[in-house]
mmCIF file of all heavy atoms, coordinates in Angstrom:
data_MODEL
# 
_entry.id   MODEL 
# 
loop_
_atom_site.group_PDB 
_atom_site.id 
_atom_site.type_symbol 
_atom_site.label_atom_id 
_atom_site.label_alt_id 
_atom_site.label_comp_id 
_atom_site.label_asym_id 
_atom_site.label_entity_id 
_atom_site.label_seq_id 
_atom_site.pdbx_PDB_ins_code 
_atom_site.Cartn_x 
_atom_site.Cartn_y 
_atom_site.Cartn_z 
_atom_site.occupancy 
_atom_site.B_iso_or_equiv 
_atom_site.pdbx_formal_charge 
_atom_site.auth_seq_id 
_atom_site.auth_comp_id 
_atom_site.auth_asym_id 
_atom_site.auth_atom_id 
_atom_site.pdbx_PDB_model_num 
ATOM 1   N N   . GLU A 1 1  ? -3.967  10.027  -4.724  1.00 0.00 ? 1  GLU A N   1 
ATOM 2   C CA  . GLU A 1 1  ? -5.174  10.575  -5.355  1.00 0.00 ? 1  GLU A CA  1 
ATOM 3   C C   . GLU A 1 1  ? -6.396  10.302  -4.482  1.00 0.00 ? 1  GLU A C   1 
ATOM 4   O O   . GLU A 1 1  ? -7.266  11.166  -4.323  1.00 0.00 ? 1  GLU A O   1 
ATOM 5   C CB  . GLU A 1 1  ? -5.358  9.966   -6.743  1.00 0.00 ? 1  GLU A CB  1 
ATOM 6   C CG  . GLU A 1 1  ? -6.569  10.476  -7.517  1.00 0.00 ? 1  GLU A CG  1 
ATOM 7   C CD  . GLU A 1 1  ? -6.505  11.958  -7.828  1.00 0.00 ? 1  GLU A CD  1 
ATOM 8   O OE1 . GLU A 1 1  ? -5.409  12.558  -7.712  1.00 0.00 ? 1  GLU A OE1 1 
ATOM 9   O OE2 . GLU A 1 1  ? -7.540  12.531  -8.194  1.00 0.00 ? 1  GLU A OE2 1 
ATOM 10  N N   . TYR A 1 2  ? -6.464  9.103   -3.920  1.00 0.00 ? 2  TYR A N   1 
ATOM 11  C CA  . TYR A 1 2  ? -7.573  8.764   -3.021  1.00 0.00 ? 2  TYR A CA  1 
ATOM 12  C C   . TYR A 1 2  ? -7.561  9.692   -1.804  1.00 0.00 ? 2  TYR A C   1 
ATOM 13  O O   . TYR A 1 2  ? -8.609  10.220  -1.392  1.00 0.00 ? 2  TYR A O   1 
ATOM 14  C CB  . TYR A 1 2  ? -7.465  7.306   -2.570  1.00 0.00 ? 2  TYR A CB  1 
ATOM 15  C CG  . TYR A 1 2  ? -8.539  6.889   -1.594  1.00 0.00 ? 2  TYR A CG  1 
ATOM 16  C CD1 . TYR A 1 2  ? -9.738  6.334   -2.038  1.00 0.00 ? 2  TYR A CD1 1 
ATOM 17  C CD2 . TYR A 1 2  ? -8.360  7.038   -0.208  1.00 0.00 ? 2  TYR A CD2 1 
ATOM 18  C CE1 . TYR A 1 2  ? -10.739 5.961   -1.145  1.00 0.00 ? 2  TYR A CE1 1 
ATOM 19  C CE2 . TYR A 1 2  ? -9.349  6.667   0.691   1.00 0.00 ? 2  TYR A CE2 1 
ATOM 20  C CZ  . TYR A 1 2  ? -10.534 6.130   0.211   1.00 0.00 ? 2  TYR A CZ  1 
ATOM 21  O OH  . TYR A 1 2  ? -11.519 5.772   1.103   1.00 0.00 ? 2  TYR A OH  1 
ATOM 22  N N   . PHE A 1 3  ? -6.392  9.901   -1.223  1.00 0.00 ? 3  PHE A N   1 
ATOM 23  C CA  . PHE A 1 3  ? -6.279  10.771  -0.054  1.00 0.00 ? 3  PHE A CA  1 
ATOM 24  C C   . PHE A 1 3  ? -6.676  12.202  -0.405  1.00 0.00 ? 3  PHE A C   1 
ATOM 25  O O   . PHE A 1 3  ? -7.339  12.892  0.396   1.00 0.00 ? 3  PHE A O   1 
ATOM 26  C CB  . PHE A 1 3  ? -4.850  10.742  0.479   1.00 0.00 ? 3  PHE A CB  1 
ATOM 27  C CG  . PHE A 1 3  ? -4.651  11.501  1.760   1.00 0.00 ? 3  PHE A CG  1 
ATOM 28  C CD1 . PHE A 1 3  ? -4.960  10.931  2.982   1.00 0.00 ? 3  PHE A CD1 1 
ATOM 29  C CD2 . PHE A 1 3  ? -4.140  12.800  1.746   1.00 0.00 ? 3  PHE A CD2 1 
ATOM 30  C CE1 . PHE A 1 3  ? -4.780  11.628  4.170   1.00 0.00 ? 3  PHE A CE1 1 
ATOM 31  C CE2 . PHE A 1 3  ? -3.960  13.502  2.926   1.00 0.00 ? 3  PHE A CE2 1 
ATOM 32  C CZ  . PHE A 1 3  ? -4.282  12.917  4.143   1.00 0.00 ? 3  PHE A CZ  1 
ATOM 33  N N   . ARG A 1 4  ? -6.287  12.656  -1.586  1.00 0.00 ? 4  ARG A N   1 
ATOM 34  C CA  . ARG A 1 4  ? -6.622  14.020  -2.006  1.00 0.00 ? 4  ARG A CA  1 
ATOM 35  C C   . ARG A 1 4  ? -8.129  14.193  -2.154  1.00 0.00 ? 4  ARG A C   1 
ATOM 36  O O   . ARG A 1 4  ? -8.698  15.215  -1.744  1.00 0.00 ? 4  ARG A O   1 
ATOM 37  C CB  . ARG A 1 4  ? -5.933  14.341  -3.327  1.00 0.00 ? 4  ARG A CB  1 
ATOM 38  C CG  . ARG A 1 4  ? -6.105  15.786  -3.799  1.00 0.00 ? 4  ARG A CG  1 
ATOM 39  C CD  . ARG A 1 4  ? -5.532  15.998  -5.175  1.00 0.00 ? 4  ARG A CD  1 
ATOM 40  N NE  . ARG A 1 4  ? -6.315  15.291  -6.197  1.00 0.00 ? 4  ARG A NE  1 
ATOM 41  C CZ  . ARG A 1 4  ? -7.473  15.735  -6.681  1.00 0.00 ? 4  ARG A CZ  1 
ATOM 42  N NH1 . ARG A 1 4  ? -7.985  16.885  -6.254  1.00 0.00 ? 4  ARG A NH1 1 
ATOM 43  N NH2 . ARG A 1 4  ? -8.106  15.046  -7.603  1.00 0.00 ? 4  ARG A NH2 1 
ATOM 44  N N   . LYS A 1 5  ? -8.786  13.189  -2.711  1.00 0.00 ? 5  LYS A N   1 
ATOM 45  C CA  . LYS A 1 5  ? -10.234 13.280  -2.960  1.00 0.00 ? 5  LYS A CA  1 
ATOM 46  C C   . LYS A 1 5  ? -11.064 13.040  -1.705  1.00 0.00 ? 5  LYS A C   1 
ATOM 47  O O   . LYS A 1 5  ? -12.062 13.724  -1.453  1.00 0.00 ? 5  LYS A O   1 
ATOM 48  C CB  . LYS A 1 5  ? -10.634 12.279  -4.044  1.00 0.00 ? 5  LYS A CB  1 
ATOM 49  C CG  . LYS A 1 5  ? -10.162 12.638  -5.433  1.00 0.00 ? 5  LYS A CG  1 
ATOM 50  C CD  . LYS A 1 5  ? -10.677 11.617  -6.452  1.00 0.00 ? 5  LYS A CD  1 
ATOM 51  C CE  . LYS A 1 5  ? -10.287 12.009  -7.861  1.00 0.00 ? 5  LYS A CE  1 
ATOM 52  N NZ  . LYS A 1 5  ? -10.770 11.027  -8.866  1.00 0.00 ? 5  LYS A NZ  1 
ATOM 53  N N   . GLU A 1 6  ? -10.674 12.036  -0.927  1.00 0.00 ? 6  GLU A N   1 
ATOM 54  C CA  . GLU A 1 6  ? -11.487 11.603  0.218   1.00 0.00 ? 6  GLU A CA  1 
ATOM 55  C C   . GLU A 1 6  ? -11.051 12.223  1.542   1.00 0.00 ? 6  GLU A C   1 
ATOM 56  O O   . GLU A 1 6  ? -11.812 12.201  2.514   1.00 0.00 ? 6  GLU A O   1 
ATOM 57  C CB  . GLU A 1 6  ? -11.444 10.075  0.339   1.00 0.00 ? 6  GLU A CB  1 
ATOM 58  C CG  . GLU A 1 6  ? -11.884 9.337   -0.918  1.00 0.00 ? 6  GLU A CG  1 
ATOM 59  C CD  . GLU A 1 6  ? -13.337 9.600   -1.258  1.00 0.00 ? 6  GLU A CD  1 
ATOM 60  O OE1 . GLU A 1 6  ? -14.130 9.870   -0.338  1.00 0.00 ? 6  GLU A OE1 1 
ATOM 61  O OE2 . GLU A 1 6  ? -13.681 9.510   -2.460  1.00 0.00 ? 6  GLU A OE2 1 
ATOM 62  N N   . GLY A 1 7  ? -9.816  12.703  1.610   1.00 0.00 ? 7  GLY A N   1 
ATOM 63  C CA  . GLY A 1 7  ? -9.348  13.302  2.847   1.00 0.00 ? 7  GLY A CA  1 
ATOM 64  C C   . GLY A 1 7  ? -9.070  12.309  3.947   1.00 0.00 ? 7  GLY A C   1 
ATOM 65  O O   . GLY A 1 7  ? -9.023  12.662  5.134   1.00 0.00 ? 7  GLY A O   1 
ATOM 66  N N   . LYS A 1 8  ? -8.861  11.052  3.580   1.00 0.00 ? 8  LYS A N   1 
ATOM 67  C CA  . LYS A 1 8  ? -8.574  10.008  4.561   1.00 0.00 ? 8  LYS A CA  1 
ATOM 68  C C   . LYS A 1 8  ? -7.755  8.908   3.900   1.00 0.00 ? 8  LYS A C   1 
ATOM 69  O O   . LYS A 1 8  ? -7.645  8.833   2.671   1.00 0.00 ? 8  LYS A O   1 
ATOM 70  C CB  . LYS A 1 8  ? -9.864  9.412   5.129   1.00 0.00 ? 8  LYS A CB  1 
ATOM 71  C CG  . LYS A 1 8  ? -10.750 8.758   4.074   1.00 0.00 ? 8  LYS A CG  1 
ATOM 72  C CD  . LYS A 1 8  ? -12.032 8.203   4.697   1.00 0.00 ? 8  LYS A CD  1 
ATOM 73  C CE  . LYS A 1 8  ? -12.899 7.520   3.632   1.00 0.00 ? 8  LYS A CE  1 
ATOM 74  N NZ  . LYS A 1 8  ? -14.148 6.975   4.229   1.00 0.00 ? 8  LYS A NZ  1 
ATOM 75  N N   . VAL A 1 9  ? -7.176  8.039   4.729   1.00 0.00 ? 9  VAL A N   1 
ATOM 76  C CA  . VAL A 1 9  ? -6.387  6.919   4.219   1.00 0.00 ? 9  VAL A CA  1 
ATOM 77  C C   . VAL A 1 9  ? -7.296  5.725   3.973   1.00 0.00 ? 9  VAL A C   1 
ATOM 78  O O   . VAL A 1 9  ? -8.396  5.637   4.527   1.00 0.00 ? 9  VAL A O   1 
ATOM 79  C CB  . VAL A 1 9  ? -5.267  6.537   5.203   1.00 0.00 ? 9  VAL A CB  1 
ATOM 80  C CG1 . VAL A 1 9  ? -4.276  7.689   5.342   1.00 0.00 ? 9  VAL A CG1 1 
ATOM 81  C CG2 . VAL A 1 9  ? -5.841  6.156   6.575   1.00 0.00 ? 9  VAL A CG2 1 
ATOM 82  N N   . ILE A 1 10 ? -6.828  4.790   3.144   1.00 0.00 ? 10 ILE A N   1 
ATOM 83  C CA  . ILE A 1 10 ? -7.655  3.615   2.850   1.00 0.00 ? 10 ILE A CA  1 
ATOM 84  C C   . ILE A 1 10 ? -7.498  2.523   3.897   1.00 0.00 ? 10 ILE A C   1 
ATOM 85  O O   . ILE A 1 10 ? -8.307  1.597   3.961   1.00 0.00 ? 10 ILE A O   1 
ATOM 86  C CB  . ILE A 1 10 ? -7.339  3.029   1.458   1.00 0.00 ? 10 ILE A CB  1 
ATOM 87  C CG1 . ILE A 1 10 ? -5.938  2.396   1.441   1.00 0.00 ? 10 ILE A CG1 1 
ATOM 88  C CG2 . ILE A 1 10 ? -7.465  4.085   0.377   1.00 0.00 ? 10 ILE A CG2 1 
ATOM 89  C CD1 . ILE A 1 10 ? -5.685  1.558   0.211   1.00 0.00 ? 10 ILE A CD1 1 
ATOM 90  N N   . GLY A 1 11 ? -6.442  2.622   4.706   1.00 0.00 ? 11 GLY A N   1 
ATOM 91  C CA  . GLY A 1 11 ? -6.202  1.609   5.727   1.00 0.00 ? 11 GLY A CA  1 
ATOM 92  C C   . GLY A 1 11 ? -5.023  2.001   6.581   1.00 0.00 ? 11 GLY A C   1 
ATOM 93  O O   . GLY A 1 11 ? -4.343  3.002   6.315   1.00 0.00 ? 11 GLY A O   1 
ATOM 94  N N   . PRO A 1 12 ? -4.720  1.234   7.618   1.00 0.00 ? 12 PRO A N   1 
ATOM 95  C CA  . PRO A 1 12 ? -3.653  1.588   8.560   1.00 0.00 ? 12 PRO A CA  1 
ATOM 96  C C   . PRO A 1 12 ? -2.250  1.588   7.969   1.00 0.00 ? 12 PRO A C   1 
ATOM 97  O O   . PRO A 1 12 ? -1.332  2.167   8.556   1.00 0.00 ? 12 PRO A O   1 
ATOM 98  C CB  . PRO A 1 12 ? -3.787  0.529   9.659   1.00 0.00 ? 12 PRO A CB  1 
ATOM 99  C CG  . PRO A 1 12 ? -4.458  -0.630  8.991   1.00 0.00 ? 12 PRO A CG  1 
ATOM 100 C CD  . PRO A 1 12 ? -5.408  -0.014  8.009   1.00 0.00 ? 12 PRO A CD  1 
ATOM 101 N N   . LEU A 1 13 ? -2.062  0.947   6.811   1.00 0.00 ? 13 LEU A N   1 
ATOM 102 C CA  . LEU A 1 13 ? -0.741  0.905   6.175   1.00 0.00 ? 13 LEU A CA  1 
ATOM 103 C C   . LEU A 1 13 ? -0.671  1.794   4.937   1.00 0.00 ? 13 LEU A C   1 
ATOM 104 O O   . LEU A 1 13 ? 0.233   1.646   4.117   1.00 0.00 ? 13 LEU A O   1 
ATOM 105 C CB  . LEU A 1 13 ? -0.376  -0.535  5.799   1.00 0.00 ? 13 LEU A CB  1 
ATOM 106 C CG  . LEU A 1 13 ? -0.369  -1.556  6.934   1.00 0.00 ? 13 LEU A CG  1 
ATOM 107 C CD1 . LEU A 1 13 ? 0.057   -2.932  6.414   1.00 0.00 ? 13 LEU A CD1 1 
ATOM 108 C CD2 . LEU A 1 13 ? 0.534   -1.117  8.072   1.00 0.00 ? 13 LEU A CD2 1 
ATOM 109 N N   . HIS A 1 14 ? -1.601  2.720   4.807   1.00 0.00 ? 14 HIS A N   1 
ATOM 110 C CA  . HIS A 1 14 ? -1.703  3.582   3.629   1.00 0.00 ? 14 HIS A CA  1 
ATOM 111 C C   . HIS A 1 14 ? -0.350  4.230   3.301   1.00 0.00 ? 14 HIS A C   1 
ATOM 112 O O   . HIS A 1 14 ? 0.177   5.026   4.061   1.00 0.00 ? 14 HIS A O   1 
ATOM 113 C CB  . HIS A 1 14 ? -2.740  4.675   3.897   1.00 0.00 ? 14 HIS A CB  1 
ATOM 114 C CG  . HIS A 1 14 ? -2.987  5.588   2.741   1.00 0.00 ? 14 HIS A CG  1 
ATOM 115 N ND1 . HIS A 1 14 ? -4.183  5.619   2.062   1.00 0.00 ? 14 HIS A ND1 1 
ATOM 116 C CD2 . HIS A 1 14 ? -2.202  6.514   2.131   1.00 0.00 ? 14 HIS A CD2 1 
ATOM 117 C CE1 . HIS A 1 14 ? -4.131  6.519   1.101   1.00 0.00 ? 14 HIS A CE1 1 
ATOM 118 N NE2 . HIS A 1 14 ? -2.918  7.075   1.128   1.00 0.00 ? 14 HIS A NE2 1 
ATOM 119 N N   . GLY A 1 15 ? 0.211   3.847   2.134   1.00 0.00 ? 15 GLY A N   1 
ATOM 120 C CA  . GLY A 1 15 ? 1.449   4.452   1.653   1.00 0.00 ? 15 GLY A CA  1 
ATOM 121 C C   . GLY A 1 15 ? 2.726   3.897   2.234   1.00 0.00 ? 15 GLY A C   1 
ATOM 122 O O   . GLY A 1 15 ? 3.815   4.370   1.879   1.00 0.00 ? 15 GLY A O   1 
ATOM 123 N N   . LEU A 1 16 ? 2.647   2.899   3.102   1.00 0.00 ? 16 LEU A N   1 
ATOM 124 C CA  . LEU A 1 16 ? 3.848   2.360   3.731   1.00 0.00 ? 16 LEU A CA  1 
ATOM 125 C C   . LEU A 1 16 ? 4.621   1.465   2.760   1.00 0.00 ? 16 LEU A C   1 
ATOM 126 O O   . LEU A 1 16 ? 4.099   0.450   2.309   1.00 0.00 ? 16 LEU A O   1 
ATOM 127 C CB  . LEU A 1 16 ? 3.483   1.551   4.973   1.00 0.00 ? 16 LEU A CB  1 
ATOM 128 C CG  . LEU A 1 16 ? 4.663   0.929   5.726   1.00 0.00 ? 16 LEU A CG  1 
ATOM 129 C CD1 . LEU A 1 16 ? 5.548   2.018   6.337   1.00 0.00 ? 16 LEU A CD1 1 
ATOM 130 C CD2 . LEU A 1 16 ? 4.188   -0.040  6.797   1.00 0.00 ? 16 LEU A CD2 1 
ATOM 131 N N   . PRO A 1 17 ? 5.864   1.796   2.418   1.00 0.00 ? 17 PRO A N   1 
ATOM 132 C CA  . PRO A 1 17 ? 6.667   0.925   1.545   1.00 0.00 ? 17 PRO A CA  1 
ATOM 133 C C   . PRO A 1 17 ? 7.041   -0.357  2.282   1.00 0.00 ? 17 PRO A C   1 
ATOM 134 O O   . PRO A 1 17 ? 7.564   -0.302  3.405   1.00 0.00 ? 17 PRO A O   1 
ATOM 135 C CB  . PRO A 1 17 ? 7.900   1.772   1.239   1.00 0.00 ? 17 PRO A CB  1 
ATOM 136 C CG  . PRO A 1 17 ? 7.529   3.174   1.611   1.00 0.00 ? 17 PRO A CG  1 
ATOM 137 C CD  . PRO A 1 17 ? 6.583   3.037   2.763   1.00 0.00 ? 17 PRO A CD  1 
ATOM 138 N N   . ILE A 1 18 ? 6.778   -1.491  1.681   1.00 0.00 ? 18 ILE A N   1 
ATOM 139 C CA  . ILE A 1 18 ? 7.085   -2.777  2.298   1.00 0.00 ? 18 ILE A CA  1 
ATOM 140 C C   . ILE A 1 18 ? 7.831   -3.663  1.305   1.00 0.00 ? 18 ILE A C   1 
ATOM 141 O O   . ILE A 1 18 ? 7.408   -3.842  0.166   1.00 0.00 ? 18 ILE A O   1 
ATOM 142 C CB  . ILE A 1 18 ? 5.804   -3.501  2.771   1.00 0.00 ? 18 ILE A CB  1 
ATOM 143 C CG1 . ILE A 1 18 ? 5.174   -2.750  3.953   1.00 0.00 ? 18 ILE A CG1 1 
ATOM 144 C CG2 . ILE A 1 18 ? 6.101   -4.940  3.166   1.00 0.00 ? 18 ILE A CG2 1 
ATOM 145 C CD1 . ILE A 1 18 ? 3.960   -3.432  4.544   1.00 0.00 ? 18 ILE A CD1 1 
ATOM 146 N N   . SER A 1 19 ? 8.945   -4.220  1.753   1.00 0.00 ? 19 SER A N   1 
ATOM 147 C CA  . SER A 1 19 ? 9.677   -5.218  0.970   1.00 0.00 ? 19 SER A CA  1 
ATOM 148 C C   . SER A 1 19 ? 9.308   -6.593  1.503   1.00 0.00 ? 19 SER A C   1 
ATOM 149 O O   . SER A 1 19 ? 8.966   -6.734  2.674   1.00 0.00 ? 19 SER A O   1 
ATOM 150 C CB  . SER A 1 19 ? 11.184  -4.993  1.090   1.00 0.00 ? 19 SER A CB  1 
ATOM 151 O OG  . SER A 1 19 ? 11.597  -5.080  2.451   1.00 0.00 ? 19 SER A OG  1 
ATOM 152 N N   . VAL A 1 20 ? 9.360   -7.609  0.637   1.00 0.00 ? 20 VAL A N   1 
ATOM 153 C CA  . VAL A 1 20 ? 9.065   -8.977  1.060   1.00 0.00 ? 20 VAL A CA  1 
ATOM 154 C C   . VAL A 1 20 ? 10.141  -9.918  0.542   1.00 0.00 ? 20 VAL A C   1 
ATOM 155 O O   . VAL A 1 20 ? 10.818  -9.629  -0.439  1.00 0.00 ? 20 VAL A O   1 
ATOM 156 C CB  . VAL A 1 20 ? 7.672   -9.458  0.577   1.00 0.00 ? 20 VAL A CB  1 
ATOM 157 C CG1 . VAL A 1 20 ? 6.570   -8.605  1.164   1.00 0.00 ? 20 VAL A CG1 1 
ATOM 158 C CG2 . VAL A 1 20 ? 7.603   -9.457  -0.940  1.00 0.00 ? 20 VAL A CG2 1 
ATOM 159 N N   . LYS A 1 21 ? 10.274  -11.039 1.226   1.00 0.00 ? 21 LYS A N   1 
ATOM 160 C CA  . LYS A 1 21 ? 11.241  -12.049 0.819   1.00 0.00 ? 21 LYS A CA  1 
ATOM 161 C C   . LYS A 1 21 ? 10.854  -12.661 -0.523  1.00 0.00 ? 21 LYS A C   1 
ATOM 162 O O   . LYS A 1 21 ? 9.685   -12.657 -0.923  1.00 0.00 ? 21 LYS A O   1 
ATOM 163 C CB  . LYS A 1 21 ? 11.332  -13.139 1.877   1.00 0.00 ? 21 LYS A CB  1 
ATOM 164 C CG  . LYS A 1 21 ? 11.954  -12.679 3.179   1.00 0.00 ? 21 LYS A CG  1 
ATOM 165 C CD  . LYS A 1 21 ? 11.807  -13.727 4.273   1.00 0.00 ? 21 LYS A CD  1 
ATOM 166 C CE  . LYS A 1 21 ? 12.605  -14.967 3.962   1.00 0.00 ? 21 LYS A CE  1 
ATOM 167 N NZ  . LYS A 1 21 ? 12.578  -15.921 5.107   1.00 0.00 ? 21 LYS A NZ  1 
ATOM 168 N N   . SER A 1 22 ? 11.835  -13.225 -1.180  1.00 0.00 ? 22 SER A N   1 
ATOM 169 C CA  . SER A 1 22 ? 11.662  -13.800 -2.513  1.00 0.00 ? 22 SER A CA  1 
ATOM 170 C C   . SER A 1 22 ? 10.539  -14.828 -2.584  1.00 0.00 ? 22 SER A C   1 
ATOM 171 O O   . SER A 1 22 ? 9.866   -14.957 -3.608  1.00 0.00 ? 22 SER A O   1 
ATOM 172 C CB  . SER A 1 22 ? 12.974  -14.434 -2.966  1.00 0.00 ? 22 SER A CB  1 
ATOM 173 O OG  . SER A 1 22 ? 12.832  -15.131 -4.171  1.00 0.00 ? 22 SER A OG  1 
ATOM 174 N N   . GLN A 1 23 ? 10.323  -15.572 -1.493  1.00 0.00 ? 23 GLN A N   1 
ATOM 175 C CA  . GLN A 1 23 ? 9.365   -16.679 -1.522  1.00 0.00 ? 23 GLN A CA  1 
ATOM 176 C C   . GLN A 1 23 ? 7.914   -16.243 -1.666  1.00 0.00 ? 23 GLN A C   1 
ATOM 177 O O   . GLN A 1 23 ? 7.066   -17.027 -2.079  1.00 0.00 ? 23 GLN A O   1 
ATOM 178 C CB  . GLN A 1 23 ? 9.488   -17.509 -0.243  1.00 0.00 ? 23 GLN A CB  1 
ATOM 179 C CG  . GLN A 1 23 ? 8.911   -16.814 0.991   1.00 0.00 ? 23 GLN A CG  1 
ATOM 180 C CD  . GLN A 1 23 ? 9.283   -17.473 2.272   1.00 0.00 ? 23 GLN A CD  1 
ATOM 181 O OE1 . GLN A 1 23 ? 10.371  -17.268 2.789   1.00 0.00 ? 23 GLN A OE1 1 
ATOM 182 N NE2 . GLN A 1 23 ? 8.387   -18.263 2.806   1.00 0.00 ? 23 GLN A NE2 1 
ATOM 183 N N   . PHE A 1 24 ? 7.596   -14.986 -1.325  1.00 0.00 ? 24 PHE A N   1 
ATOM 184 C CA  . PHE A 1 24 ? 6.214   -14.526 -1.345  1.00 0.00 ? 24 PHE A CA  1 
ATOM 185 C C   . PHE A 1 24 ? 5.856   -13.958 -2.718  1.00 0.00 ? 24 PHE A C   1 
ATOM 186 O O   . PHE A 1 24 ? 6.410   -12.942 -3.126  1.00 0.00 ? 24 PHE A O   1 
ATOM 187 C CB  . PHE A 1 24 ? 5.975   -13.467 -0.272  1.00 0.00 ? 24 PHE A CB  1 
ATOM 188 C CG  . PHE A 1 24 ? 6.162   -13.980 1.130   1.00 0.00 ? 24 PHE A CG  1 
ATOM 189 C CD1 . PHE A 1 24 ? 7.255   -13.592 1.886   1.00 0.00 ? 24 PHE A CD1 1 
ATOM 190 C CD2 . PHE A 1 24 ? 5.246   -14.859 1.684   1.00 0.00 ? 24 PHE A CD2 1 
ATOM 191 C CE1 . PHE A 1 24 ? 7.436   -14.069 3.179   1.00 0.00 ? 24 PHE A CE1 1 
ATOM 192 C CE2 . PHE A 1 24 ? 5.409   -15.334 2.974   1.00 0.00 ? 24 PHE A CE2 1 
ATOM 193 C CZ  . PHE A 1 24 ? 6.503   -14.948 3.716   1.00 0.00 ? 24 PHE A CZ  1 
ATOM 194 N N   . PRO A 1 25 ? 4.916   -14.577 -3.441  1.00 0.00 ? 25 PRO A N   1 
ATOM 195 C CA  . PRO A 1 25 ? 4.566   -14.101 -4.777  1.00 0.00 ? 25 PRO A CA  1 
ATOM 196 C C   . PRO A 1 25 ? 3.954   -12.700 -4.787  1.00 0.00 ? 25 PRO A C   1 
ATOM 197 O O   . PRO A 1 25 ? 3.043   -12.405 -4.007  1.00 0.00 ? 25 PRO A O   1 
ATOM 198 C CB  . PRO A 1 25 ? 3.549   -15.140 -5.266  1.00 0.00 ? 25 PRO A CB  1 
ATOM 199 C CG  . PRO A 1 25 ? 3.845   -16.371 -4.481  1.00 0.00 ? 25 PRO A CG  1 
ATOM 200 C CD  . PRO A 1 25 ? 4.251   -15.869 -3.132  1.00 0.00 ? 25 PRO A CD  1 
ATOM 201 N N   . ILE A 1 26 ? 4.480   -11.855 -5.657  1.00 0.00 ? 26 ILE A N   1 
ATOM 202 C CA  . ILE A 1 26 ? 3.908   -10.554 -5.972  1.00 0.00 ? 26 ILE A CA  1 
ATOM 203 C C   . ILE A 1 26 ? 3.683   -10.537 -7.477  1.00 0.00 ? 26 ILE A C   1 
ATOM 204 O O   . ILE A 1 26 ? 4.600   -10.842 -8.238  1.00 0.00 ? 26 ILE A O   1 
ATOM 205 C CB  . ILE A 1 26 ? 4.840   -9.395  -5.575  1.00 0.00 ? 26 ILE A CB  1 
ATOM 206 C CG1 . ILE A 1 26 ? 4.983   -9.317  -4.050  1.00 0.00 ? 26 ILE A CG1 1 
ATOM 207 C CG2 . ILE A 1 26 ? 4.312   -8.067  -6.106  1.00 0.00 ? 26 ILE A CG2 1 
ATOM 208 C CD1 . ILE A 1 26 ? 5.902   -8.193  -3.591  1.00 0.00 ? 26 ILE A CD1 1 
ATOM 209 N N   . LYS A 1 27 ? 2.501   -10.192 -7.898  1.00 0.00 ? 27 LYS A N   1 
ATOM 210 C CA  . LYS A 1 27 ? 2.172   -10.218 -9.321  1.00 0.00 ? 27 LYS A CA  1 
ATOM 211 C C   . LYS A 1 27 ? 3.174   -9.402  -10.129 1.00 0.00 ? 27 LYS A C   1 
ATOM 212 O O   . LYS A 1 27 ? 3.432   -8.243  -9.837  1.00 0.00 ? 27 LYS A O   1 
ATOM 213 C CB  . LYS A 1 27 ? 0.762   -9.677  -9.549  1.00 0.00 ? 27 LYS A CB  1 
ATOM 214 C CG  . LYS A 1 27 ? 0.309   -9.755  -10.995 1.00 0.00 ? 27 LYS A CG  1 
ATOM 215 C CD  . LYS A 1 27 ? -1.125  -9.257  -11.157 1.00 0.00 ? 27 LYS A CD  1 
ATOM 216 C CE  . LYS A 1 27 ? -1.573  -9.348  -12.615 1.00 0.00 ? 27 LYS A CE  1 
ATOM 217 N NZ  . LYS A 1 27 ? -2.972  -8.872  -12.782 1.00 0.00 ? 27 LYS A NZ  1 
ATOM 218 N N   . GLY A 1 28 ? 3.774   -10.047 -11.134 1.00 0.00 ? 28 GLY A N   1 
ATOM 219 C CA  . GLY A 1 28 ? 4.713   -9.380  -12.017 1.00 0.00 ? 28 GLY A CA  1 
ATOM 220 C C   . GLY A 1 28 ? 6.146   -9.368  -11.539 1.00 0.00 ? 28 GLY A C   1 
ATOM 221 O O   . GLY A 1 28 ? 7.033   -8.919  -12.266 1.00 0.00 ? 28 GLY A O   1 
# 
């Protein structure tokens, strides 16, 4: 939605799926 409205990405990793190891907390 941001890309559609602004015509640009929010940062260099915009939309990149990233998995992390169990030890790193992710909310929820």
